[in-house]
């Protein structure tokens, strides 16, 4: 179900991926995640994956985030 309440069907890759966050000075992961390919240059991560990787969203519009243990001390910019 999408955020607006509509339903959609997405293809799912058969095998799970090993997902990491590589942030220049830091590597977090791996976690196991399922991929749902879409036609986009972006990768969408759900709340469960972000939580498992220790990611905290600071400002979604500006693309600012940090790791949970960096809250209030550092902000990173998304790609």
Protein backbone atom coordinates (compact mmCIF):
# COMPACT_ATOMS: atom_id res chain seq x y z
CA UNK A 1 0.00 0.00 0.00
CA UNK A 2 1.27 3.45 -0.89
CA UNK A 3 1.27 6.48 1.40
CA UNK A 4 -1.91 7.81 -0.24
CA UNK A 5 -3.79 4.57 0.51
CA UNK A 6 -3.71 3.18 -3.02
CA UNK A 7 -2.38 -0.29 -3.75
CA UNK A 8 0.32 -1.28 -6.19
CA UNK A 9 2.08 -4.47 -7.18
CA UNK A 10 5.88 -4.49 -7.26
CA UNK A 11 8.25 -7.19 -8.42
CA UNK A 12 10.58 -8.49 -5.72
CA UNK A 13 14.06 -9.88 -6.27
CA UNK A 14 14.16 -13.53 -5.27
CA UNK A 15 17.27 -13.43 -3.08
CA UNK A 16 17.79 -10.93 -0.26
CA UNK A 17 20.58 -8.36 -0.50
CA UNK A 18 23.29 -7.57 2.00
CA UNK A 19 22.84 -3.83 2.54
CA UNK A 20 25.55 -1.48 3.87
CA UNK A 21 25.87 2.27 4.43
CA UNK A 22 29.25 3.57 3.30
CA UNK A 23 29.61 7.13 4.56
CA UNK A 24 33.21 8.02 3.76
CA UNK A 25 34.53 7.69 7.30
CA UNK A 26 32.24 4.89 8.35
CA UNK A 27 30.72 1.59 7.25
CA UNK A 28 27.53 0.22 8.82
CA UNK A 29 25.93 -3.12 8.06
CA UNK A 30 25.35 -5.50 6.60
CA UNK A 31 21.66 -6.06 7.09
CA UNK A 32 19.53 -8.37 5.02
CA UNK A 33 17.00 -6.56 2.85
CA UNK A 34 14.63 -7.34 0.01
CA UNK A 35 14.88 -5.35 -3.22
CA UNK A 36 11.90 -4.13 -5.22
CA UNK A 37 13.30 -2.78 -8.52
CA UNK A 38 11.76 0.44 -9.83
CA UNK A 39 12.69 2.67 -12.77
CA UNK A 40 14.55 5.42 -10.96
CA UNK A 41 18.04 6.63 -10.27
CA UNK A 42 17.23 6.61 -6.56
CA UNK A 43 17.18 3.79 -4.05
CA UNK A 44 14.29 3.84 -1.59
CA UNK A 45 14.92 2.52 1.91
CA UNK A 46 12.10 1.81 4.31
CA UNK A 47 11.99 2.76 7.97
CA UNK A 48 12.95 -0.75 9.14
CA UNK A 49 16.11 -0.78 7.00
CA UNK A 50 17.13 2.71 8.09
CA UNK A 51 16.57 1.81 11.72
CA UNK A 52 18.58 -1.41 11.43
CA UNK A 53 21.46 0.58 9.90
CA UNK A 54 21.33 3.20 12.68
CA UNK A 55 20.32 6.05 10.36
CA UNK A 56 18.40 9.08 11.63
CA UNK A 57 16.74 11.49 9.19
CA UNK A 58 17.46 15.10 10.21
CA UNK A 59 15.78 16.97 7.33
CA UNK A 60 14.26 14.90 4.53
CA UNK A 61 13.71 17.83 2.12
CA UNK A 62 17.32 18.97 2.40
CA UNK A 63 18.66 15.41 2.39
CA UNK A 64 20.28 15.72 5.81
CA UNK A 65 20.83 12.66 7.95
CA UNK A 66 23.21 11.21 10.52
CA UNK A 67 23.82 8.02 12.41
CA UNK A 68 21.87 7.79 15.67
CA UNK A 69 25.03 8.05 17.76
CA UNK A 70 25.87 11.34 15.97
CA UNK A 71 22.55 13.14 16.70
CA UNK A 72 23.19 16.78 17.57
CA UNK A 73 26.89 16.49 16.71
CA UNK A 74 27.03 15.86 12.97
CA UNK A 75 24.86 16.15 9.86
CA UNK A 76 25.51 14.33 6.60
CA UNK A 77 24.14 15.18 3.17
CA UNK A 78 22.52 12.54 0.99
CA UNK A 79 23.76 11.82 -2.50
